[in-house]
Protein backbone atom coordinates (compact mmCIF):
# COMPACT_ATOMS: atom_id res chain seq x y z
CA MET A 1 99.64 140.58 114.57
CA ASN A 2 99.42 143.03 117.61
CA LYS A 3 96.09 144.24 118.96
CA ILE A 4 96.37 147.69 117.41
CA LEU A 5 97.01 146.45 114.09
CA ARG A 6 94.24 143.69 114.28
CA TYR A 7 91.85 146.61 115.25
CA ILE A 8 92.85 148.72 112.22
CA VAL A 9 92.28 145.69 110.02
CA LEU A 10 88.97 144.95 111.44
CA VAL A 11 87.82 148.50 111.14
CA ILE A 12 88.83 148.65 107.42
CA VAL A 13 87.23 145.23 106.61
CA PHE A 14 83.99 146.17 108.46
CA ALA A 15 83.90 149.49 106.61
CA ASN A 16 84.13 147.70 103.25
CA ILE A 17 81.24 145.41 104.48
CA LYS A 18 79.11 148.39 105.30
CA GLY A 19 79.43 149.28 101.72
CA PHE A 20 76.63 146.72 101.31
CA SER A 21 74.05 149.00 102.60
CA GLN A 22 71.25 148.06 104.92
CA LYS A 23 68.76 148.64 101.93
CA THR A 24 70.73 146.03 99.91
CA LEU A 25 70.65 143.59 102.80
CA ASP A 26 66.78 144.20 102.88
CA GLU A 27 66.57 143.40 99.23
CA ARG A 28 68.63 140.21 99.50
CA ILE A 29 66.88 138.82 102.62
CA GLN A 30 63.21 139.91 102.17
CA TRP A 31 62.23 136.60 100.48
CA TYR A 32 63.74 134.83 103.49
CA ARG A 33 61.93 136.82 106.02
CA ASP A 34 58.68 135.98 104.32
CA ALA A 35 59.60 132.28 103.97
CA LYS A 36 59.90 131.40 107.59
CA PHE A 37 60.36 127.72 107.23
CA GLY A 38 63.23 125.69 105.61
CA MET A 39 64.65 122.24 105.54
CA PHE A 40 68.33 121.34 106.87
CA ILE A 41 69.78 118.23 105.53
CA HIS A 42 72.84 116.66 107.18
CA TRP A 43 74.15 113.98 104.82
CA GLY A 44 77.56 112.56 104.13
CA ALA A 45 80.01 109.78 104.54
CA TYR A 46 79.10 109.48 108.30
CA SER A 47 75.38 108.69 107.20
CA SER A 48 76.54 105.34 106.22
CA LEU A 49 77.92 104.46 109.68
CA GLY A 50 74.55 105.44 111.23
CA GLY A 51 76.32 106.38 114.58
CA TYR A 52 78.31 103.17 114.97
CA TRP A 53 82.00 102.18 114.11
CA LYS A 54 83.30 98.67 114.79
CA GLY A 55 80.51 98.07 117.28
CA LYS A 56 81.07 101.25 119.18
CA SER A 57 78.31 103.95 119.32
CA SER A 58 79.00 107.56 118.84
CA ASN A 59 76.99 107.90 122.11
CA SER A 60 80.23 106.93 123.94
CA GLY A 61 81.95 110.05 122.79
CA THR A 62 81.59 113.84 122.87
CA PRO A 63 79.68 115.26 121.01
CA LYS A 64 77.33 112.31 120.59
CA TYR A 65 75.89 113.48 117.14
CA ALA A 66 76.38 110.91 114.45
CA GLU A 67 78.12 113.29 112.12
CA TRP A 68 80.83 113.83 114.72
CA ILE A 69 81.59 110.05 114.97
CA GLN A 70 85.07 110.58 113.58
CA ALA A 71 85.79 112.95 116.38
CA ALA A 72 83.74 111.15 119.18
CA LEU A 73 85.61 107.86 118.71
CA ASN A 74 88.85 109.28 117.60
CA ILE A 75 88.76 107.33 114.24
CA PRO A 76 92.16 107.66 112.60
CA LYS A 77 92.02 109.63 109.35
CA GLU A 78 93.09 106.71 107.16
CA GLU A 79 90.43 104.51 108.67
CA TYR A 80 87.76 106.96 108.39
CA THR A 81 88.56 107.81 104.85
CA LYS A 82 88.03 104.04 104.04
CA GLU A 83 84.39 104.39 105.43
CA ALA A 84 83.96 107.35 103.19
CA GLN A 85 84.92 105.23 100.11
CA LYS A 86 81.81 103.03 101.08
CA PHE A 87 79.39 105.90 100.54
CA ASN A 88 76.96 104.34 98.24
CA PRO A 89 73.35 106.02 98.28
CA ILE A 90 71.75 103.59 95.91
CA ASN A 91 68.08 104.85 97.00
CA PHE A 92 68.83 108.53 96.44
CA ASP A 93 66.05 110.41 94.94
CA ALA A 94 66.48 114.17 94.82
CA ASP A 95 62.86 114.73 93.60
CA ALA A 96 61.39 112.78 96.44
CA TRP A 97 63.60 114.62 98.99
CA VAL A 98 62.52 118.10 97.81
CA LYS A 99 58.90 116.91 97.35
CA VAL A 100 58.89 116.15 101.05
CA ALA A 101 60.11 119.82 101.76
CA LYS A 102 57.55 121.33 99.41
CA GLU A 103 54.60 119.34 100.86
CA ALA A 104 55.79 120.30 104.47
CA GLY A 105 55.44 123.91 103.55
CA MET A 106 59.11 124.59 103.56
CA LYS A 107 60.30 127.39 101.30
CA TYR A 108 64.14 126.86 101.18
CA LEU A 109 66.64 124.04 101.75
CA VAL A 110 70.29 123.94 103.02
CA ILE A 111 72.36 120.76 102.62
CA THR A 112 75.81 120.00 104.10
CA SER A 113 78.00 120.30 100.95
CA LYS A 114 81.06 119.70 103.36
CA HIS A 115 80.86 119.01 106.96
CA HIS A 116 83.60 118.94 109.56
CA ASP A 117 84.91 115.65 108.25
CA GLY A 118 85.92 117.37 105.03
CA PHE A 119 84.11 114.91 102.66
CA CYS A 120 82.52 116.77 99.77
CA LEU A 121 79.16 116.03 98.22
CA TRP A 122 80.06 117.38 94.89
CA ASN A 123 82.92 116.60 92.42
CA SER A 124 85.30 119.23 93.45
CA ALA A 125 88.41 120.35 91.50
CA TYR A 126 90.20 121.17 94.71
CA THR A 127 90.28 117.62 96.32
CA ASP A 128 89.82 114.06 95.50
CA TYR A 129 88.06 113.51 98.83
CA ASP A 130 84.63 113.80 97.29
CA VAL A 131 81.83 111.69 96.06
CA LYS A 132 83.14 111.38 92.54
CA ASP A 133 86.91 110.68 92.97
CA TRP A 134 86.83 109.11 96.44
CA ALA A 135 83.46 107.24 96.66
CA GLY A 136 83.30 106.65 92.84
CA GLN A 137 79.76 108.09 92.59
CA ASP A 138 78.77 109.38 89.25
CA THR A 139 75.61 111.04 90.37
CA ASP A 140 75.82 114.73 90.83
CA PHE A 141 73.90 114.83 94.10
CA LEU A 142 73.74 118.69 94.65
CA GLY A 143 73.04 119.22 91.01
CA GLN A 144 70.04 117.09 91.24
CA ILE A 145 68.79 118.65 94.39
CA LYS A 146 69.29 122.02 93.01
CA GLU A 147 67.03 120.95 90.05
CA ALA A 148 64.47 119.51 92.23
CA CYS A 149 64.45 122.87 94.07
CA LYS A 150 63.99 124.70 91.01
CA LYS A 151 61.06 122.38 90.04
CA TYR A 152 59.32 122.87 93.30
CA GLY A 153 60.02 126.54 93.95
CA ILE A 154 62.46 126.01 96.87
CA VAL A 155 65.46 128.27 97.35
CA PHE A 156 68.71 126.21 97.27
CA GLY A 157 71.44 126.71 99.85
CA THR A 158 74.64 125.11 101.07
CA TYR A 159 76.15 124.44 104.51
CA TYR A 160 80.01 124.61 104.57
CA SER A 161 82.23 123.92 107.44
CA ILE A 162 85.17 126.39 108.26
CA ILE A 163 87.04 123.39 110.08
CA ASP A 164 88.22 120.34 107.99
CA TRP A 165 89.34 117.30 109.64
CA HIS A 166 90.73 115.85 106.42
CA HIS A 167 92.56 118.75 104.89
CA PRO A 168 96.19 118.73 105.27
CA SER A 169 96.41 122.13 106.92
CA GLN A 170 94.87 121.00 110.14
CA LYS A 171 95.31 118.28 112.78
CA PRO A 172 93.38 117.21 115.89
CA LYS A 173 94.91 118.41 119.13
CA THR A 174 96.90 115.88 120.89
CA PRO A 175 96.84 113.89 123.21
CA TYR A 176 93.16 113.05 122.48
CA THR A 177 90.81 113.89 125.41
CA ASN A 178 87.40 114.09 123.84
CA GLY A 179 86.01 114.81 120.34
CA TRP A 180 85.15 118.53 121.26
CA ASP A 181 88.42 119.36 122.72
CA SER A 182 90.70 117.53 120.18
CA TYR A 183 88.57 117.87 116.98
CA GLY A 184 86.38 120.74 117.78
CA GLN A 185 89.46 122.86 118.51
CA ILE A 186 91.41 121.50 115.57
CA GLU A 187 94.76 123.13 115.08
CA LEU A 188 96.72 124.43 112.19
CA VAL A 189 99.76 122.28 111.04
CA ASN A 190 101.95 125.27 110.16
CA GLY A 191 100.22 128.46 111.67
CA GLU A 192 99.46 131.41 109.24
CA LYS A 193 100.98 129.49 106.21
CA SER A 194 98.52 126.71 106.67
CA LYS A 195 95.63 129.12 107.05
CA LYS A 196 96.46 131.05 104.01
CA GLU A 197 96.53 127.78 101.98
CA TYR A 198 93.34 126.69 103.56
CA ILE A 199 91.45 129.92 102.92
CA LYS A 200 92.44 129.75 99.25
CA TYR A 201 91.07 126.15 99.17
CA MET A 202 87.81 127.30 100.79
CA LYS A 203 87.36 130.16 98.38
CA GLY A 204 87.85 127.84 95.46
CA GLN A 205 85.27 125.47 96.62
CA LEU A 206 82.76 128.10 97.62
CA LYS A 207 83.08 129.57 94.21
CA GLU A 208 82.36 126.14 92.72
CA LEU A 209 79.23 126.04 94.79
CA ILE A 210 78.24 129.29 93.11
CA ASP A 211 79.33 128.55 89.57
CA LYS A 212 77.97 124.91 89.48
CA TYR A 213 74.81 125.22 91.72
CA ASP A 214 74.03 128.80 92.04
CA SER A 215 73.82 128.55 95.87
CA LYS A 216 71.75 131.41 97.26
CA ILE A 217 72.31 130.66 101.01
CA PHE A 218 75.70 130.04 102.54
CA TRP A 219 75.57 128.43 106.07
CA PHE A 220 78.61 128.27 107.72
CA ASP A 221 79.78 126.41 110.86
CA GLY A 222 83.01 125.67 112.90
CA ASP A 223 83.65 129.46 113.52
CA TRP A 224 84.58 128.69 117.15
CA VAL A 225 88.24 127.64 116.41
CA LYS A 226 90.70 130.07 117.71
CA TRP A 227 92.64 130.47 114.53
CA TRP A 228 89.43 131.81 112.56
CA SER A 229 89.14 135.49 113.31
CA MET A 230 86.49 138.08 112.79
CA GLU A 231 88.50 139.67 110.04
CA ASP A 232 88.91 136.26 108.28
CA GLY A 233 85.19 135.93 108.47
CA MET A 234 84.35 139.26 107.31
CA GLU A 235 86.60 139.14 104.37
CA LEU A 236 85.11 135.91 103.37
CA TYR A 237 81.64 137.37 103.63
CA LYS A 238 82.76 140.20 101.32
CA TYR A 239 84.26 137.77 98.85
CA LEU A 240 81.10 135.75 98.46
CA LEU A 241 78.77 138.80 98.11
CA GLU A 242 81.10 139.95 95.20
CA LEU A 243 80.63 136.66 93.47
CA GLN A 244 76.95 136.16 94.31
CA PRO A 245 75.34 139.56 95.14
CA ASP A 246 72.10 138.34 96.03
CA ALA A 247 73.04 135.48 98.46
CA ILE A 248 72.34 135.48 102.03
CA ILE A 249 75.05 134.48 104.48
CA ASN A 250 74.83 133.26 108.15
CA ASN A 251 76.74 135.01 111.00
CA ARG A 252 78.97 131.89 111.64
CA VAL A 253 81.10 133.00 108.72
CA ALA A 254 82.69 135.14 111.25
CA LYS A 255 82.29 134.86 115.17
CA ARG A 256 78.69 134.00 115.84
CA ASN A 257 78.80 135.82 119.28
CA LYS A 258 79.81 139.10 117.64
CA PHE A 259 78.76 139.05 113.93
CA PHE A 260 75.03 139.05 113.25
CA LYS A 261 74.93 139.46 109.31
CA ASP A 262 73.06 138.35 107.52
CA PHE A 263 71.18 136.21 109.95
CA GLY A 264 71.89 134.86 113.53
CA THR A 265 71.77 131.11 114.16
CA PRO A 266 70.52 129.90 117.67
CA GLU A 267 70.95 126.33 117.68
CA ASN A 268 68.28 123.87 119.26
CA PHE A 269 66.68 126.70 121.29
CA THR A 270 64.57 129.71 120.57
CA PRO A 271 65.37 133.04 121.96
CA GLY A 272 62.92 134.41 124.51
CA LYS A 273 62.01 137.61 122.58
CA LYS A 274 62.38 139.40 119.40
CA LEU A 275 66.10 140.08 118.31
CA ASP A 276 67.27 143.28 116.65
CA TYR A 277 68.61 141.31 113.68
CA ASP A 278 67.37 138.47 111.45
CA TRP A 279 67.64 135.11 112.85
CA GLU A 280 66.89 131.38 112.41
CA SER A 281 66.56 128.65 114.91
CA CYS A 282 67.84 125.31 113.69
CA TYR A 283 66.49 122.21 115.23
CA THR A 284 66.72 118.57 114.95
CA MET A 285 63.63 116.30 114.91
CA ASN A 286 65.15 113.80 117.16
CA SER A 287 68.59 114.18 118.95
CA SER A 288 71.22 113.91 116.22
CA TRP A 289 71.78 115.87 112.99
CA GLY A 290 73.22 113.15 110.77
CA PHE A 291 71.47 109.77 110.61
CA LYS A 292 71.73 107.55 113.57
CA LYS A 293 70.06 104.17 113.53
CA ASP A 294 69.14 103.88 117.16
CA ASP A 295 68.05 107.54 117.71
CA HIS A 296 64.27 107.19 117.98
CA SER A 297 63.59 110.26 120.21
CA TRP A 298 61.20 111.93 117.67
CA LYS A 299 59.39 115.01 118.50
CA THR A 300 55.68 115.12 117.80
CA PRO A 301 54.13 117.20 115.01
CA LYS A 302 52.44 119.34 117.66
CA LYS A 303 55.89 120.14 119.31
CA LEU A 304 57.26 120.83 115.82
CA ILE A 305 54.36 123.13 114.69
CA GLN A 306 54.31 124.98 117.99
CA GLU A 307 58.12 125.57 117.74
CA LEU A 308 57.47 127.07 114.27
CA ILE A 309 54.76 129.26 115.59
CA ASP A 310 56.77 130.41 118.50
CA ILE A 311 59.76 131.30 116.37
CA SER A 312 57.63 133.14 113.86
CA SER A 313 56.03 135.13 116.58
CA LYS A 314 59.32 136.38 117.65
CA GLY A 315 60.34 137.37 114.19
CA GLY A 316 62.57 134.29 113.31
CA ASN A 317 62.86 131.56 110.90
CA TYR A 318 62.69 127.80 111.47
CA LEU A 319 65.34 125.43 109.92
CA LEU A 320 64.28 121.84 110.76
CA ASN A 321 66.60 119.02 109.98
CA VAL A 322 66.41 115.69 108.37
CA GLY A 323 69.18 113.12 108.44
CA PRO A 324 69.05 110.83 105.54
CA THR A 325 70.38 107.30 105.69
CA GLY A 326 73.58 106.32 103.80
CA GLU A 327 71.49 104.61 101.31
CA GLY A 328 69.71 108.01 100.55
CA ILE A 329 66.34 107.64 102.38
CA ILE A 330 64.84 110.25 104.66
CA PRO A 331 63.62 108.30 107.82
CA ASP A 332 59.88 107.44 107.75
CA ALA A 333 59.39 109.35 111.12
CA SER A 334 60.73 112.44 109.56
CA VAL A 335 58.53 112.24 106.45
CA LYS A 336 55.48 111.53 108.58
CA ASN A 337 56.04 114.62 110.97
CA LEU A 338 56.64 116.88 107.88
CA LYS A 339 53.52 115.60 106.22
CA GLU A 340 51.52 116.55 109.30
CA MET A 341 53.14 119.94 109.50
CA GLY A 342 52.39 120.48 105.79
CA GLU A 343 48.65 119.51 106.23
CA TRP A 344 48.43 122.14 109.06
CA LEU A 345 50.17 124.96 106.99
CA SER A 346 47.97 124.23 104.00
CA LYS A 347 45.02 125.52 106.06
CA ASN A 348 46.83 127.87 108.47
CA GLY A 349 49.92 129.12 106.69
CA ALA A 350 48.54 132.58 106.57
CA SER A 351 49.49 132.88 110.19
CA ILE A 352 53.12 132.05 109.46
CA TYR A 353 54.17 133.11 105.95
CA ASN A 354 54.91 136.83 105.15
CA THR A 355 54.10 137.63 108.84
CA ILE A 356 56.07 139.91 111.10
CA PHE A 357 56.84 140.19 114.89
CA SER A 358 53.83 141.90 116.43
CA ASN A 359 53.96 144.38 119.31
CA ALA A 360 51.17 142.52 121.14
CA ALA A 361 52.21 141.24 124.67
CA LEU A 362 53.03 137.58 125.12
CA GLN A 363 49.85 135.59 125.51
CA LYS A 364 49.51 132.90 128.06
CA TRP A 365 47.23 130.82 125.78
CA GLY A 366 49.69 130.79 122.75
CA ARG A 367 51.48 133.19 120.08
CA VAL A 368 50.72 136.07 117.96
CA THR A 369 51.85 137.08 114.53
CA GLN A 370 50.95 140.04 112.29
CA LYS A 371 50.50 140.94 108.68
CA GLY A 372 49.46 144.47 108.03
CA ASN A 373 46.23 145.15 109.93
CA THR A 374 45.64 141.42 110.63
CA TYR A 375 46.74 139.68 113.85
CA TYR A 376 47.01 135.87 113.91
CA LEU A 377 46.35 134.22 117.08
CA ASN A 378 47.57 130.62 117.61
CA ILE A 379 46.01 128.95 120.56
CA PHE A 380 48.11 126.22 122.24
CA ASN A 381 45.94 126.01 125.38
CA PHE A 382 42.27 126.50 125.08
CA PRO A 383 40.55 128.42 127.91
CA LYS A 384 38.23 126.43 130.08
CA ASN A 385 35.46 129.03 129.81
CA GLU A 386 35.79 129.01 125.96
CA GLU A 387 36.43 132.81 125.98
CA LEU A 388 39.84 133.81 124.59
CA GLU A 389 41.18 137.02 126.09
CA PHE A 390 43.54 138.84 123.48
CA TYR A 391 44.87 141.62 125.54
CA GLY A 392 47.39 144.15 124.68
CA VAL A 393 45.79 145.30 121.07
CA THR A 394 42.53 146.99 120.62
CA GLY A 395 40.73 149.16 118.09
CA GLU A 396 37.95 149.05 115.51
CA VAL A 397 37.64 145.32 114.45
CA LYS A 398 36.57 144.40 111.02
CA GLU A 399 36.16 140.66 111.54
CA VAL A 400 37.34 137.72 113.51
CA LYS A 401 37.41 134.25 111.93
CA LEU A 402 38.82 130.85 112.33
CA LEU A 403 41.54 130.56 109.94
CA GLU A 404 41.11 126.94 108.98
CA THR A 405 37.39 127.26 107.90
CA GLY A 406 36.72 130.92 107.58
CA LYS A 407 34.03 130.72 110.20
CA LYS A 408 33.18 133.95 111.74
CA LEU A 409 33.49 134.37 115.52
CA SER A 410 31.77 136.60 117.92
CA TYR A 411 33.75 139.05 120.03
CA LYS A 412 33.69 141.97 122.43
CA VAL A 413 36.09 144.88 122.16
CA ARG A 414 37.38 145.99 125.50
CA LYS A 415 39.70 148.91 126.48
CA GLU A 416 42.53 146.61 127.04
CA GLY A 417 41.94 144.27 124.13
CA ILE A 418 39.48 141.69 122.69
CA VAL A 419 37.43 138.87 124.00
CA ILE A 420 36.60 136.19 121.52
CA ASP A 421 33.74 133.50 121.90
CA LEU A 422 35.09 129.98 121.20
CA LYS A 423 32.01 128.08 121.82
CA GLY A 424 31.50 125.58 119.03
CA VAL A 425 35.04 125.99 117.64
CA ASP A 426 36.72 122.69 116.68
CA LYS A 427 40.15 122.51 118.32
CA ASN A 428 43.00 121.75 115.99
CA PRO A 429 45.29 119.22 118.03
CA LEU A 430 48.44 121.02 116.73
CA SER A 431 47.33 124.67 117.13
CA THR A 432 43.98 126.62 116.39
CA ALA A 433 44.56 129.77 114.35
CA ILE A 434 42.38 132.74 114.47
CA ALA A 435 42.49 135.90 112.36
CA VAL A 436 41.62 139.17 113.97
CA VAL A 437 41.20 141.85 111.30
CA PHE A 438 41.17 145.54 112.23
CA GLU A 439 40.18 148.41 110.24
CA PRO A 440 43.33 149.97 108.65
CA ASN A 441 44.94 152.61 110.74
CA ASN A 442 42.74 152.04 113.70
CA ILE A 443 44.92 149.73 115.88
CA LYS A 444 45.98 150.61 119.34
CA LEU A 445 48.30 148.97 121.77
CA TYR A 446 47.40 148.81 125.36
CA ASP A 447 50.50 149.09 127.58
CA LYS A 448 49.36 146.89 130.33
CA GLY A 449 49.75 143.94 127.95
CA SER A 450 48.37 140.38 128.51
CA LYS A 451 46.28 139.29 131.38
């Protein structure tokens, strides 16, 4: 297709997508904007390997992630599929998994229904390379997770890879150089004919995820391959919204550096400022997404909570990953971290949930969020003189209180902001949250910002 024709197609498809008005997008995504915090789950055939195959570690390949082990070690398809047959999560407990998310304060969940290796976590009519036909598992894993999400009030969503190392339409680039070059840029076997066959396959499976599991979030990945175009992605976006009008879809359905609906997806980093579209930073708790038996580089609860606060202060969401073992167990370190996050959120969650980006300047001591006429200050670094200078916002103050206990705090209103007396305030080791409540319609921004 020449450039002019591609441009015309792109304009037509985008015009159709714009038919889903911004108001409709707001209606679909408002719950997500309020939720702020979700659980990512990377789980599949690779989980049973734990980052090792025939004594070789995925660390010796590129990428080093456990879920990329087939690519990292260039495992032949016929040998990798034998490993997938061994998938046997004898300790799987959907209720326990989702309860961990609930107690952590998470509001939604996204699980890898099909990662790049093509192995499907549900019984799909479109392939036998799934938990039922290939691995002989009678448990409806996605169904049980969906029901547990319903029980605990968690929104259920699914990750789906655009690329597929198992599907006959695709083959790794040869000769093999490294996982990213050969598998990351996986090629079509027979050009446009293969792509057409594969898109039909994808649409069938995605419809199954709606019909069987009522997936409300579609989280795509693999959009970087050269044969997947913007128009391919936007057409798929439109298709999904026709089937599931209240779903939200990430920007990787098309090209992540050009398409920003319904939300952007920075990975393992946080933008330095507010973005002009909805977004979500996804992070691992250690180094790998999938389970890796020798990966013990766990972040501290303090680091995780402050990541959540930082992201919320910039108007984003935080999708935090767990990688269950092949037996179906979420690692103890992940559970421990999430429990501590949940304990903090149970007392300080008002500074996160339902908040928006505030126009307050970036503060050296921590971060600020806003809800109506209340500004929430999360203190990462306590001032030595025990006086907190909150500059950039001023006006008539109704009250200042410690969020965790409700204790009222003394303060002084200045032209450029507020100075809060922290003497006698117990520091929370993760973050200390304070609510500054202004009188409605009496808030002023001071343009010199933070000092």
